[in-house]
PDB file of N, CA and C in Angstrom:
ATOM      1  N   VAL A   1      45.605  36.307  15.665  1.00  0.00           N
ATOM      2  CA  VAL A   1      44.851  35.230  15.040  1.00  0.00           C
ATOM      3  C   VAL A   1      44.562  35.622  13.595  1.00  0.00           C
ATOM      4  N   GLU A   2      44.149  36.815  13.361  1.00  0.00           N
ATOM      5  CA  GLU A   2      43.790  37.253  12.032  1.00  0.00           C
ATOM      6  C   GLU A   2      45.006  37.169  11.075  1.00  0.00           C
ATOM      7  N   GLN A   3      46.185  37.575  11.595  1.00  0.00           N
ATOM      8  CA  GLN A   3      47.346  37.576  10.733  1.00  0.00           C
ATOM      9  C   GLN A   3      47.735  36.120  10.392  1.00  0.00           C
ATOM     10  N   ILE A   4      47.534  35.211  11.295  1.00  0.00           N
ATOM     11  CA  ILE A   4      47.867  33.773  10.980  1.00  0.00           C
ATOM     12  C   ILE A   4      46.927  33.310   9.868  1.00  0.00           C
ATOM     13  N   SER A   5      45.644  33.655   9.976  1.00  0.00           N
ATOM     14  CA  SER A   5      44.667  33.219   8.992  1.00  0.00           C
ATOM     15  C   SER A   5      44.979  33.794   7.574  1.00  0.00           C
ATOM     16  N   LEU A   6      45.562  34.981   7.550  1.00  0.00           N
ATOM     17  CA  LEU A   6      45.853  35.632   6.292  1.00  0.00           C
ATOM     18  C   LEU A   6      47.174  35.211   5.699  1.00  0.00           C
ATOM     19  N   SER A   7      48.017  34.530   6.489  1.00  0.00           N
ATOM     20  CA  SER A   7      49.362  34.123   6.001  1.00  0.00           C
ATOM     21  C   SER A   7      49.218  33.185   4.815  1.00  0.00           C
ATOM     22  N   GLN A   8      50.114  33.315   3.817  1.00  0.00           N
ATOM     23  CA  GLN A   8      50.134  32.473   2.648  1.00  0.00           C
ATOM     24  C   GLN A   8      51.195  31.440   2.775  1.00  0.00           C
ATOM     25  N   LYS A   9      51.852  31.304   3.950  1.00  0.00           N
ATOM     26  CA  LYS A   9      52.919  30.320   4.113  1.00  0.00           C
ATOM     27  C   LYS A   9      52.384  28.899   3.973  1.00  0.00           C
ATOM     28  N   LYS A  10      53.200  28.045   3.469  1.00  0.00           N
ATOM     29  CA  LYS A  10      52.763  26.608   3.270  1.00  0.00           C
ATOM     30  C   LYS A  10      52.482  25.937   4.555  1.00  0.00           C
ATOM     31  N   TRP A  11      53.341  26.051   5.556  1.00  0.00           N
ATOM     32  CA  TRP A  11      53.138  25.394   6.818  1.00  0.00           C
ATOM     33  C   TRP A  11      53.005  26.445   7.937  1.00  0.00           C
ATOM     34  N   LYS A  12      52.119  26.204   8.868  1.00  0.00           N
ATOM     35  CA  LYS A  12      51.908  27.091  10.003  1.00  0.00           C
ATOM     36  C   LYS A  12      52.031  26.254  11.281  1.00  0.00           C
ATOM     37  N   ILE A  13      53.042  26.597  12.073  1.00  0.00           N
ATOM     38  CA  ILE A  13      53.332  25.819  13.286  1.00  0.00           C
ATOM     39  C   ILE A  13      53.271  26.805  14.462  1.00  0.00           C
ATOM     40  N   ALA A  14      52.471  26.481  15.461  1.00  0.00           N
ATOM     41  CA  ALA A  14      52.384  27.303  16.719  1.00  0.00           C
ATOM     42  C   ALA A  14      53.361  26.722  17.660  1.00  0.00           C
ATOM     43  N   ILE A  15      54.229  27.576  18.245  1.00  0.00           N
ATOM     44  CA  ILE A  15      55.176  27.109  19.231  1.00  0.00           C
ATOM     45  C   ILE A  15      54.882  27.857  20.549  1.00  0.00           C
ATOM     46  N   LEU A  16      54.587  27.081  21.643  1.00  0.00           N
ATOM     47  CA  LEU A  16      54.195  27.603  22.883  1.00  0.00           C
ATOM     48  C   LEU A  16      55.091  27.019  23.972  1.00  0.00           C
ATOM     49  N   HIS A  17      55.224  27.730  25.029  1.00  0.00           N
ATOM     50  CA  HIS A  17      55.935  27.165  26.201  1.00  0.00           C
ATOM     51  C   HIS A  17      54.957  26.206  26.942  1.00  0.00           C
ATOM     52  N   HIS A  18      53.804  26.678  27.337  1.00  0.00           N
ATOM     53  CA  HIS A  18      52.838  25.868  28.079  1.00  0.00           C
ATOM     54  C   HIS A  18      51.912  25.153  27.080  1.00  0.00           C
ATOM     55  N   PRO A  19      51.726  23.873  27.226  1.00  0.00           N
ATOM     56  CA  PRO A  19      50.884  23.169  26.285  1.00  0.00           C
ATOM     57  C   PRO A  19      49.373  23.431  26.557  1.00  0.00           C
ATOM     58  N   PRO A  20      48.563  23.556  25.592  1.00  0.00           N
ATOM     59  CA  PRO A  20      47.109  23.666  25.765  1.00  0.00           C
ATOM     60  C   PRO A  20      46.527  22.389  26.346  1.00  0.00           C
ATOM     61  N   TYR A  21      47.133  21.267  26.013  1.00  0.00           N
ATOM     62  CA  TYR A  21      46.644  19.950  26.436  1.00  0.00           C
ATOM     63  C   TYR A  21      47.872  19.095  26.901  1.00  0.00           C
ATOM     64  N   THR A  22      47.751  18.462  28.021  1.00  0.00           N
ATOM     65  CA  THR A  22      48.732  17.521  28.473  1.00  0.00           C
ATOM     66  C   THR A  22      48.195  16.603  29.490  1.00  0.00           C
ATOM     67  N   SER A  23      48.646  15.344  29.502  1.00  0.00           N
ATOM     68  CA  SER A  23      48.239  14.352  30.548  1.00  0.00           C
ATOM     69  C   SER A  23      49.307  14.291  31.610  1.00  0.00           C
ATOM     70  N   GLY A  24      50.359  15.156  31.485  1.00  0.00           N
ATOM     71  CA  GLY A  24      51.453  15.113  32.452  1.00  0.00           C
ATOM     72  C   GLY A  24      50.949  15.288  33.889  1.00  0.00           C
ATOM     73  N   SER A  25      51.462  14.500  34.798  1.00  0.00           N
ATOM     74  CA  SER A  25      50.925  14.474  36.175  1.00  0.00           C
ATOM     75  C   SER A  25      51.006  15.874  36.868  1.00  0.00           C
ATOM     76  N   SER A  26      52.040  16.645  36.529  1.00  0.00           N
ATOM     77  CA  SER A  26      52.209  17.920  37.145  1.00  0.00           C
ATOM     78  C   SER A  26      51.438  19.096  36.545  1.00  0.00           C
ATOM     79  N   TYR A  27      50.955  18.884  35.276  1.00  0.00           N
ATOM     80  CA  TYR A  27      50.361  20.024  34.579  1.00  0.00           C
ATOM     81  C   TYR A  27      49.045  19.757  33.954  1.00  0.00           C
ATOM     82  N   THR A  28      48.439  18.607  34.202  1.00  0.00           N
ATOM     83  CA  THR A  28      47.138  18.257  33.629  1.00  0.00           C
ATOM     84  C   THR A  28      46.104  19.292  34.049  1.00  0.00           C
ATOM     85  N   PRO A  29      45.254  19.773  33.163  1.00  0.00           N
ATOM     86  CA  PRO A  29      45.059  19.370  31.770  1.00  0.00           C
ATOM     87  C   PRO A  29      45.725  20.286  30.762  1.00  0.00           C
ATOM     88  N   GLY A  30      46.653  21.168  31.184  1.00  0.00           N
ATOM     89  CA  GLY A  30      47.340  22.096  30.328  1.00  0.00           C
ATOM     90  C   GLY A  30      46.778  23.485  30.557  1.00  0.00           C
ATOM     91  N   LYS A  31      47.300  24.438  29.763  1.00  0.00           N
ATOM     92  CA  LYS A  31      46.884  25.865  29.837  1.00  0.00           C
ATOM     93  C   LYS A  31      45.629  26.048  29.004  1.00  0.00           C
ATOM     94  N   THR A  32      44.462  25.967  29.639  1.00  0.00           N
ATOM     95  CA  THR A  32      43.205  26.005  28.875  1.00  0.00           C
ATOM     96  C   THR A  32      43.012  27.293  28.104  1.00  0.00           C
ATOM     97  N   GLN A  33      43.652  28.432  28.517  1.00  0.00           N
ATOM     98  CA  GLN A  33      43.450  29.665  27.770  1.00  0.00           C
ATOM     99  C   GLN A  33      44.128  29.568  26.368  1.00  0.00           C
ATOM    100  N   TRP A  34      45.016  28.573  26.184  1.00  0.00           N
ATOM    101  CA  TRP A  34      45.627  28.384  24.863  1.00  0.00           C
ATOM    102  C   TRP A  34      44.858  27.337  24.005  1.00  0.00           C
ATOM    103  N   ARG A  35      43.724  27.014  24.414  1.00  0.00           N
ATOM    104  CA  ARG A  35      42.876  26.065  23.635  1.00  0.00           C
ATOM    105  C   ARG A  35      42.081  26.825  22.594  1.00  0.00           C
ATOM    106  N   LEU A  36      42.807  27.183  21.557  1.00  0.00           N
ATOM    107  CA  LEU A  36      42.191  27.949  20.447  1.00  0.00           C
ATOM    108  C   LEU A  36      41.658  26.961  19.394  1.00  0.00           C
ATOM    109  N   ASP A  37      40.945  27.447  18.469  1.00  0.00           N
ATOM    110  CA  ASP A  37      40.442  26.652  17.346  1.00  0.00           C
ATOM    111  C   ASP A  37      41.610  26.645  16.288  1.00  0.00           C
ATOM    112  N   TRP A  38      42.666  25.914  16.589  1.00  0.00           N
ATOM    113  CA  TRP A  38      43.897  25.941  15.761  1.00  0.00           C
ATOM    114  C   TRP A  38      43.591  25.565  14.358  1.00  0.00           C
ATOM    115  N   SER A  39      42.681  24.590  14.131  1.00  0.00           N
ATOM    116  CA  SER A  39      42.345  24.199  12.751  1.00  0.00           C
ATOM    117  C   SER A  39      41.721  25.287  11.960  1.00  0.00           C
ATOM    118  N   ARG A  40      40.765  26.013  12.563  1.00  0.00           N
ATOM    119  CA  ARG A  40      40.046  27.082  11.917  1.00  0.00           C
ATOM    120  C   ARG A  40      41.018  28.204  11.489  1.00  0.00           C
ATOM    121  N   ILE A  41      41.996  28.477  12.337  1.00  0.00           N
ATOM    122  CA  ILE A  41      42.901  29.623  11.993  1.00  0.00           C
ATOM    123  C   ILE A  41      44.071  29.154  11.123  1.00  0.00           C
ATOM    124  N   GLY A  42      44.096  27.886  10.775  1.00  0.00           N
ATOM    125  CA  GLY A  42      45.065  27.443   9.763  1.00  0.00           C
ATOM    126  C   GLY A  42      46.364  26.837  10.324  1.00  0.00           C
ATOM    127  N   ILE A  43      46.405  26.490  11.594  1.00  0.00           N
ATOM    128  CA  ILE A  43      47.599  25.905  12.177  1.00  0.00           C
ATOM    129  C   ILE A  43      47.723  24.391  11.835  1.00  0.00           C
ATOM    130  N   ASP A  44      48.887  24.022  11.374  1.00  0.00           N
ATOM    131  CA  ASP A  44      49.117  22.587  10.993  1.00  0.00           C
ATOM    132  C   ASP A  44      49.633  21.754  12.178  1.00  0.00           C
ATOM    133  N   LEU A  45      50.345  22.391  13.118  1.00  0.00           N
ATOM    134  CA  LEU A  45      51.050  21.642  14.165  1.00  0.00           C
ATOM    135  C   LEU A  45      51.189  22.610  15.372  1.00  0.00           C
ATOM    136  N   VAL A  46      50.935  22.091  16.593  1.00  0.00           N
ATOM    137  CA  VAL A  46      51.161  22.877  17.809  1.00  0.00           C
ATOM    138  C   VAL A  46      52.280  22.158  18.578  1.00  0.00           C
ATOM    139  N   LEU A  47      53.362  22.880  18.850  1.00  0.00           N
ATOM    140  CA  LEU A  47      54.474  22.388  19.647  1.00  0.00           C
ATOM    141  C   LEU A  47      54.559  23.079  21.010  1.00  0.00           C
ATOM    142  N   ALA A  48      54.788  22.333  22.066  1.00  0.00           N
ATOM    143  CA  ALA A  48      54.913  22.925  23.368  1.00  0.00           C
ATOM    144  C   ALA A  48      55.891  22.104  24.207  1.00  0.00           C
ATOM    145  N   GLY A  49      56.235  22.669  25.348  1.00  0.00           N
ATOM    146  CA  GLY A  49      57.099  21.967  26.313  1.00  0.00           C
ATOM    147  C   GLY A  49      56.500  22.037  27.680  1.00  0.00           C
ATOM    148  N   HIS A  50      57.254  22.474  28.654  1.00  0.00           N
ATOM    149  CA  HIS A  50      56.843  22.691  30.053  1.00  0.00           C
ATOM    150  C   HIS A  50      56.553  21.440  30.816  1.00  0.00           C
ATOM    151  N   SER A  51      55.698  20.615  30.274  1.00  0.00           N
ATOM    152  CA  SER A  51      55.380  19.335  30.938  1.00  0.00           C
ATOM    153  C   SER A  51      56.574  18.355  30.650  1.00  0.00           C
ATOM    154  N   HIS A  52      57.246  17.884  31.657  1.00  0.00           N
ATOM    155  CA  HIS A  52      58.519  17.165  31.497  1.00  0.00           C
ATOM    156  C   HIS A  52      58.315  15.726  31.073  1.00  0.00           C
ATOM    157  N   ASN A  53      57.773  15.573  29.912  1.00  0.00           N
ATOM    158  CA  ASN A  53      57.558  14.243  29.285  1.00  0.00           C
ATOM    159  C   ASN A  53      57.347  14.474  27.796  1.00  0.00           C
ATOM    160  N   TYR A  54      57.015  13.402  27.078  1.00  0.00           N
ATOM    161  CA  TYR A  54      56.666  13.528  25.661  1.00  0.00           C
ATOM    162  C   TYR A  54      55.243  13.039  25.489  1.00  0.00           C
ATOM    163  N   GLU A  55      54.469  13.754  24.778  1.00  0.00           N
ATOM    164  CA  GLU A  55      53.107  13.323  24.507  1.00  0.00           C
ATOM    165  C   GLU A  55      52.684  13.845  23.136  1.00  0.00           C
ATOM    166  N   ARG A  56      51.960  12.976  22.388  1.00  0.00           N
ATOM    167  CA  ARG A  56      51.401  13.428  21.131  1.00  0.00           C
ATOM    168  C   ARG A  56      49.927  13.221  21.280  1.00  0.00           C
ATOM    169  N   LEU A  57      49.206  14.343  20.876  1.00  0.00           N
ATOM    170  CA  LEU A  57      47.766  14.344  20.968  1.00  0.00           C
ATOM    171  C   LEU A  57      47.223  14.795  19.602  1.00  0.00           C
ATOM    172  N   THR A  58      46.006  14.498  19.293  1.00  0.00           N
ATOM    173  CA  THR A  58      45.298  15.027  18.113  1.00  0.00           C
ATOM    174  C   THR A  58      44.005  15.713  18.656  1.00  0.00           C
ATOM    175  N   VAL A  59      43.877  16.979  18.430  1.00  0.00           N
ATOM    176  CA  VAL A  59      42.728  17.768  18.852  1.00  0.00           C
ATOM    177  C   VAL A  59      42.153  18.436  17.684  1.00  0.00           C
ATOM    178  N   ASP A  60      40.899  18.142  17.382  1.00  0.00           N
ATOM    179  CA  ASP A  60      40.226  18.753  16.180  1.00  0.00           C
ATOM    180  C   ASP A  60      41.066  18.625  14.945  1.00  0.00           C
ATOM    181  N   GLU A  61      41.644  17.438  14.726  1.00  0.00           N
ATOM    182  CA  GLU A  61      42.457  17.093  13.535  1.00  0.00           C
ATOM    183  C   GLU A  61      43.783  17.827  13.476  1.00  0.00           C
ATOM    184  N   VAL A  62      44.209  18.483  14.561  1.00  0.00           N
ATOM    185  CA  VAL A  62      45.515  19.129  14.575  1.00  0.00           C
ATOM    186  C   VAL A  62      46.385  18.371  15.556  1.00  0.00           C
ATOM    187  N   VAL A  63      47.644  18.018  15.144  1.00  0.00           N
ATOM    188  CA  VAL A  63      48.566  17.325  15.979  1.00  0.00           C
ATOM    189  C   VAL A  63      49.154  18.315  16.996  1.00  0.00           C
ATOM    190  N   HIS A  64      49.181  17.920  18.215  1.00  0.00           N
ATOM    191  CA  HIS A  64      49.851  18.683  19.302  1.00  0.00           C
ATOM    192  C   HIS A  64      50.931  17.797  19.871  1.00  0.00           C
ATOM    193  N   ILE A  65      52.126  18.364  20.003  1.00  0.00           N
ATOM    194  CA  ILE A  65      53.220  17.589  20.561  1.00  0.00           C
ATOM    195  C   ILE A  65      53.790  18.371  21.722  1.00  0.00           C
ATOM    196  N   VAL A  66      53.851  17.682  22.913  1.00  0.00           N
ATOM    197  CA  VAL A  66      54.473  18.247  24.076  1.00  0.00           C
ATOM    198  C   VAL A  66      55.832  17.543  24.221  1.00  0.00           C
ATOM    199  N   SER A  67      56.908  18.271  24.071  1.00  0.00           N
ATOM    200  CA  SER A  67      58.229  17.677  24.146  1.00  0.00           C
ATOM    201  C   SER A  67      59.028  18.488  25.215  1.00  0.00           C
ATOM    202  N   GLY A  68      58.897  18.043  26.438  1.00  0.00           N
ATOM    203  CA  GLY A  68      59.553  18.783  27.534  1.00  0.00           C
ATOM    204  C   GLY A  68      60.605  17.947  28.204  1.00  0.00           C
ATOM    205  N   VAL A  69      61.299  17.091  27.434  1.00  0.00           N
ATOM    206  CA  VAL A  69      62.308  16.192  28.036  1.00  0.00           C
ATOM    207  C   VAL A  69      63.685  16.509  27.520  1.00  0.00           C
ATOM    208  N   GLY A  70      63.996  17.790  27.461  1.00  0.00           N
ATOM    209  CA  GLY A  70      65.318  18.187  26.951  1.00  0.00           C
ATOM    210  C   GLY A  70      66.354  18.354  28.053  1.00  0.00           C
ATOM    211  N   GLY A  71      65.925  18.373  29.325  1.00  0.00           N
ATOM    212  CA  GLY A  71      66.963  18.601  30.363  1.00  0.00           C
ATOM    213  C   GLY A  71      66.457  18.382  31.731  1.00  0.00           C
ATOM    214  N   ALA A  72      65.308  18.862  32.109  1.00  0.00           N
ATOM    215  CA  ALA A  72      64.783  18.680  33.481  1.00  0.00           C
ATOM    216  C   ALA A  72      64.363  17.236  33.696  1.00  0.00           C
ATOM    217  N   SER A  73      64.300  16.796  34.897  1.00  0.00           N
ATOM    218  CA  SER A  73      63.936  15.418  35.193  1.00  0.00           C
ATOM    219  C   SER A  73      62.532  15.106  34.691  1.00  0.00           C
ATOM    220  N   PRO A  74      62.421  14.035  33.945  1.00  0.00           N
ATOM    221  CA  PRO A  74      61.063  13.638  33.389  1.00  0.00           C
ATOM    222  C   PRO A  74      60.100  13.308  34.507  1.00  0.00           C
ATOM    223  N   VAL A  75      58.832  13.580  34.262  1.00  0.00           N
ATOM    224  CA  VAL A  75      57.758  13.265  35.227  1.00  0.00           C
ATOM    225  C   VAL A  75      56.786  12.315  34.497  1.00  0.00           C
ATOM    226  N   GLY A  76      55.919  11.684  35.316  1.00  0.00           N
ATOM    227  CA  GLY A  76      55.035  10.744  34.782  1.00  0.00           C
ATOM    228  C   GLY A  76      53.722  11.354  34.306  1.00  0.00           C
ATOM    229  N   PHE A  77      52.756  10.539  34.075  1.00  0.00           N
ATOM    230  CA  PHE A  77      51.450  10.935  33.550  1.00  0.00           C
ATOM    231  C   PHE A  77      50.390  10.629  34.579  1.00  0.00           C
ATOM    232  N   GLY A  78      49.298  11.446  34.547  1.00  0.00           N
ATOM    233  CA  GLY A  78      48.141  11.158  35.307  1.00  0.00           C
ATOM    234  C   GLY A  78      47.223  10.418  34.341  1.00  0.00           C
ATOM    235  N   THR A  79      45.963  10.584  34.534  1.00  0.00           N
ATOM    236  CA  THR A  79      44.961   9.988  33.643  1.00  0.00           C
ATOM    237  C   THR A  79      45.087  10.586  32.245  1.00  0.00           C
ATOM    238  N   ALA A  80      45.198   9.735  31.229  1.00  0.00           N
ATOM    239  CA  ALA A  80      45.409  10.249  29.877  1.00  0.00           C
ATOM    240  C   ALA A  80      44.164  11.003  29.403  1.00  0.00           C
ATOM    241  N   LEU A  81      44.400  12.152  28.745  1.00  0.00           N
ATOM    242  CA  LEU A  81      43.367  12.871  28.112  1.00  0.00           C
ATOM    243  C   LEU A  81      42.832  12.017  26.934  1.00  0.00           C
ATOM    244  N   THR A  82      41.565  12.212  26.567  1.00  0.00           N
ATOM    245  CA  THR A  82      41.027  11.338  25.481  1.00  0.00           C
ATOM    246  C   THR A  82      41.730  11.579  24.165  1.00  0.00           C
ATOM    247  N   GLN A  83      42.326  12.818  23.997  1.00  0.00           N
ATOM    248  CA  GLN A  83      42.961  13.160  22.733  1.00  0.00           C
ATOM    249  C   GLN A  83      44.409  12.609  22.625  1.00  0.00           C
ATOM    250  N   SER A  84      44.905  12.037  23.744  1.00  0.00           N
ATOM    251  CA  SER A  84      46.266  11.561  23.817  1.00  0.00           C
ATOM    252  C   SER A  84      46.466  10.269  23.011  1.00  0.00           C
ATOM    253  N   ILE A  85      47.524  10.213  22.201  1.00  0.00           N
ATOM    254  CA  ILE A  85      47.807   9.092  21.348  1.00  0.00           C
ATOM    255  C   ILE A  85      49.042   8.349  21.811  1.00  0.00           C
ATOM    256  N   GLU A  86      50.086   9.106  22.145  1.00  0.00           N
ATOM    257  CA  GLU A  86      51.363   8.536  22.547  1.00  0.00           C
ATOM    258  C   GLU A  86      51.900   9.295  23.772  1.00  0.00           C
ATOM    259  N   ARG A  87      52.366   8.541  24.774  1.00  0.00           N
ATOM    260  CA  ARG A  87      52.960   9.151  25.969  1.00  0.00           C
ATOM    261  C   ARG A  87      54.232   8.439  26.291  1.00  0.00           C
ATOM    262  N   ILE A  88      55.335   9.194  26.518  1.00  0.00           N
ATOM    263  CA  ILE A  88      56.614   8.643  26.832  1.00  0.00           C
ATOM    264  C   ILE A  88      57.190   9.436  27.993  1.00  0.00           C
ATOM    265  N   THR A  89      57.662   8.746  29.027  1.00  0.00           N
ATOM    266  CA  THR A  89      58.347   9.402  30.113  1.00  0.00           C
ATOM    267  C   THR A  89      59.573   8.562  30.510  1.00  0.00           C
ATOM    268  N   GLY A  90      60.477   9.184  31.269  1.00  0.00           N
ATOM    269  CA  GLY A  90      61.695   8.453  31.701  1.00  0.00           C
ATOM    270  C   GLY A  90      62.765   8.452  30.662  1.00  0.00           C
ATOM    271  N   SER A  91      62.630   9.249  29.587  1.00  0.00           N
ATOM    272  CA  SER A  91      63.615   9.266  28.473  1.00  0.00           C
ATOM    273  C   SER A  91      63.847  10.690  28.049  1.00  0.00           C
ATOM    274  N   TYR A  92      65.086  11.127  28.002  1.00  0.00           N
ATOM    275  CA  TYR A  92      65.385  12.456  27.460  1.00  0.00           C
ATOM    276  C   TYR A  92      65.425  12.310  25.939  1.00  0.00           C
ATOM    277  N   GLY A  93      65.061  13.435  25.229  1.00  0.00           N
ATOM    278  CA  GLY A  93      65.081  13.374  23.777  1.00  0.00           C
ATOM    279  C   GLY A  93      64.711  14.667  23.154  1.00  0.00           C
ATOM    280  N   ALA A  94      64.533  14.626  21.848  1.00  0.00           N
ATOM    281  CA  ALA A  94      64.264  15.796  21.039  1.00  0.00           C
ATOM    282  C   ALA A  94      63.463  15.423  19.834  1.00  0.00           C
ATOM    283  N   LEU A  95      62.885  16.452  19.177  1.00  0.00           N
ATOM    284  CA  LEU A  95      62.152  16.202  17.944  1.00  0.00           C
ATOM    285  C   LEU A  95      63.034  16.421  16.755  1.00  0.00           C
ATOM    286  N   LYS A  96      62.845  15.639  15.751  1.00  0.00           N
ATOM    287  CA  LYS A  96      63.475  15.846  14.417  1.00  0.00           C
ATOM    288  C   LYS A  96      62.283  16.070  13.484  1.00  0.00           C
ATOM    289  N   ILE A  97      62.263  17.232  12.865  1.00  0.00           N
ATOM    290  CA  ILE A  97      61.167  17.545  11.957  1.00  0.00           C
ATOM    291  C   ILE A  97      61.756  17.753  10.584  1.00  0.00           C
ATOM    292  N   THR A  98      61.292  16.968   9.641  1.00  0.00           N
ATOM    293  CA  THR A  98      61.653  17.132   8.202  1.00  0.00           C
ATOM    294  C   THR A  98      60.464  17.724   7.464  1.00  0.00           C
ATOM    295  N   VAL A  99      60.773  18.879   6.808  1.00  0.00           N
ATOM    296  CA  VAL A  99      59.713  19.596   6.155  1.00  0.00           C
ATOM    297  C   VAL A  99      59.884  19.478   4.650  1.00  0.00           C
ATOM    298  N   ASN A 100      58.812  19.107   3.975  1.00  0.00           N
ATOM    299  CA  ASN A 100      58.815  19.073   2.500  1.00  0.00           C
ATOM    300  C   ASN A 100      57.487  19.681   2.027  1.00  0.00           C
ATOM    301  N   PRO A 101      57.293  19.930   0.739  1.00  0.00           N
ATOM    302  CA  PRO A 101      56.089  20.618   0.290  1.00  0.00           C
ATOM    303  C   PRO A 101      54.813  19.913   0.656  1.00  0.00           C
ATOM    304  N   SER A 102      54.824  18.584   0.755  1.00  0.00           N
ATOM    305  CA  SER A 102      53.551  17.858   0.967  1.00  0.00           C
ATOM    306  C   SER A 102      53.414  17.251   2.371  1.00  0.00           C
ATOM    307  N   ALA A 103      54.436  17.273   3.168  1.00  0.00           N
ATOM    308  CA  ALA A 103      54.390  16.596   4.473  1.00  0.00           C
ATOM    309  C   ALA A 103      55.358  17.150   5.491  1.00  0.00           C
ATOM    310  N   LEU A 104      54.949  17.078   6.734  1.00  0.00           N
ATOM    311  CA  LEU A 104      55.873  17.341   7.853  1.00  0.00           C
ATOM    312  C   LEU A 104      56.085  15.892   8.469  1.00  0.00           C
ATOM    313  N   GLU A 105      57.363  15.516   8.495  1.00  0.00           N
ATOM    314  CA  GLU A 105      57.701  14.211   9.044  1.00  0.00           C
ATOM    315  C   GLU A 105      58.345  14.473  10.410  1.00  0.00           C
ATOM    316  N   ILE A 106      57.691  13.976  11.484  1.00  0.00           N
ATOM    317  CA  ILE A 106      58.084  14.352  12.811  1.00  0.00           C
ATOM    318  C   ILE A 106      58.496  13.037  13.541  1.00  0.00           C
ATOM    319  N   SER A 107      59.653  13.063  14.151  1.00  0.00           N
ATOM    320  CA  SER A 107      60.190  11.929  14.891  1.00  0.00           C
ATOM    321  C   SER A 107      60.692  12.343  16.260  1.00  0.00           C
ATOM    322  N   PHE A 108      60.268  11.649  17.284  1.00  0.00           N
ATOM    323  CA  PHE A 108      60.792  11.835  18.659  1.00  0.00           C
ATOM    324  C   PHE A 108      61.866  10.830  18.855  1.00  0.00           C
ATOM    325  N   ARG A 109      63.152  11.352  19.143  1.00  0.00           N
ATOM    326  CA  ARG A 109      64.265  10.434  19.359  1.00  0.00           C
ATOM    327  C   ARG A 109      64.829  10.683  20.707  1.00  0.00           C
ATOM    328  N   ASN A 110      65.244   9.598  21.319  1.00  0.00           N
ATOM    329  CA  ASN A 110      65.912   9.664  22.631  1.00  0.00           C
ATOM    330  C   ASN A 110      67.373  10.020  22.426  1.00  0.00           C
ATOM    331  N   THR A 111      68.111  10.101  23.514  1.00  0.00           N
ATOM    332  CA  THR A 111      69.530  10.490  23.455  1.00  0.00           C
ATOM    333  C   THR A 111      70.419   9.483  22.808  1.00  0.00           C
ATOM    334  N   ASP A 112      69.921   8.258  22.646  1.00  0.00           N
ATOM    335  CA  ASP A 112      70.664   7.193  21.934  1.00  0.00           C
ATOM    336  C   ASP A 112      70.272   7.185  20.433  1.00  0.00           C
ATOM    337  N   ASP A 113      69.471   8.174  19.986  1.00  0.00           N
ATOM    338  CA  ASP A 113      68.986   8.353  18.630  1.00  0.00           C
ATOM    339  C   ASP A 113      68.033   7.253  18.234  1.00  0.00           C
ATOM    340  N   ASP A 114      67.379   6.634  19.222  1.00  0.00           N
ATOM    341  CA  ASP A 114      66.294   5.623  18.895  1.00  0.00           C
ATOM    342  C   ASP A 114      65.016   6.385  18.663  1.00  0.00           C
ATOM    343  N   GLU A 115      64.344   6.032  17.615  1.00  0.00           N
ATOM    344  CA  GLU A 115      63.024   6.648  17.326  1.00  0.00           C
ATOM    345  C   GLU A 115      61.976   6.030  18.222  1.00  0.00           C
ATOM    346  N   LEU A 116      61.351   6.864  19.076  1.00  0.00           N
ATOM    347  CA  LEU A 116      60.327   6.335  20.004  1.00  0.00           C
ATOM    348  C   LEU A 116      58.935   6.665  19.528  1.00  0.00           C
ATOM    349  N   ASP A 117      58.773   7.629  18.670  1.00  0.00           N
ATOM    350  CA  ASP A 117      57.491   7.974  18.136  1.00  0.00           C
ATOM    351  C   ASP A 117      57.733   8.658  16.810  1.00  0.00           C
ATOM    352  N   GLN A 118      56.754   8.561  15.931  1.00  0.00           N
ATOM    353  CA  GLN A 118      56.786   9.284  14.636  1.00  0.00           C
ATOM    354  C   GLN A 118      55.396   9.559  14.184  1.00  0.00           C
ATOM    355  N   VAL A 119      55.230  10.630  13.431  1.00  0.00           N
ATOM    356  CA  VAL A 119      53.985  10.967  12.830  1.00  0.00           C
ATOM    357  C   VAL A 119      54.243  11.825  11.556  1.00  0.00           C
ATOM    358  N   VAL A 120      53.400  11.608  10.566  1.00  0.00           N
ATOM    359  CA  VAL A 120      53.489  12.432   9.348  1.00  0.00           C
ATOM    360  C   VAL A 120      52.259  13.207   9.206  1.00  0.00           C
ATOM    361  N   ILE A 121      52.388  14.518   8.985  1.00  0.00           N
ATOM    362  CA  ILE A 121      51.228  15.412   8.706  1.00  0.00           C
ATOM    363  C   ILE A 121      51.291  15.710   7.212  1.00  0.00           C
ATOM    364  N   ASN A 122      50.250  15.281   6.527  1.00  0.00           N
ATOM    365  CA  ASN A 122      50.192  15.545   5.096  1.00  0.00           C
ATOM    366  C   ASN A 122      49.362  16.871   4.825  1.00  0.00           C
ATOM    367  N   LYS A 123      49.867  17.623   3.841  1.00  0.00           N
ATOM    368  CA  LYS A 123      49.153  18.866   3.517  1.00  0.00           C
ATOM    369  C   LYS A 123      47.992  18.534   2.612  1.00  0.00           C
ATOM    370  N   GLN A 124      46.777  18.742   3.132  1.00  0.00           N
ATOM    371  CA  GLN A 124      45.569  18.408   2.408  1.00  0.00           C
ATOM    372  C   GLN A 124      44.728  19.595   2.018  1.00  0.00           C
ATOM    373  N   HIS A 125      45.305  20.763   2.156  1.00  0.00           N
ATOM    374  CA  HIS A 125      44.560  21.959   1.871  1.00  0.00           C
ATOM    375  C   HIS A 125      45.462  22.987   1.182  1.00  0.00           C
ATOM    376  N   SER A 126      44.889  23.952   0.578  1.00  0.00           N
ATOM    377  CA  SER A 126      45.665  25.029  -0.072  1.00  0.00           C
ATOM    378  C   SER A 126      46.294  25.891   1.009  1.00  0.00           C
ATOM    379  N   PRO A 127      47.420  26.571   0.652  1.00  0.00           N
ATOM    380  CA  PRO A 127      48.049  27.473   1.639  1.00  0.00           C
ATOM    381  C   PRO A 127      47.210  28.679   1.991  1.00  0.00           C
ATOM    382  N   ALA A 128      46.325  29.104   1.119  1.00  0.00           N
ATOM    383  CA  ALA A 128      45.516  30.271   1.407  1.00  0.00           C
ATOM    384  C   ALA A 128      44.243  29.768   2.087  1.00  0.00           C
ATOM    385  N   ARG A 129      43.987  30.277   3.341  1.00  0.00           N
ATOM    386  CA  ARG A 129      42.762  29.850   4.083  1.00  0.00           C
ATOM    387  C   ARG A 129      42.017  31.073   4.488  1.00  0.00           C
TER     388      ARG A 129
END
């Protein structure tokens, strides 16, 4: 955690297998031991899989994306967590992330290349935190 906070990199993305938060019916509420104060340590985006669906959440102003629909059979959702913004199941797909100095442009696309969700994260702080 300390090394992440000291990093001077423009964008900081945490990539996890198990999501800290998910409304997925098989994995709700997620791996609670990974519920760190991502904003305080300077993380801009948290990416995870494991839950076989797509979900976008915002927790303490940090976007969390669960994209576990790359191959295994998709599963549904239970009761949506309050932080959940978008939930998609029954569709295989992947993320397309475009990185530029001022924004991360994130698009979830299905196998027909249809955009099913999108979000832009703007850089509103200096790289040194």
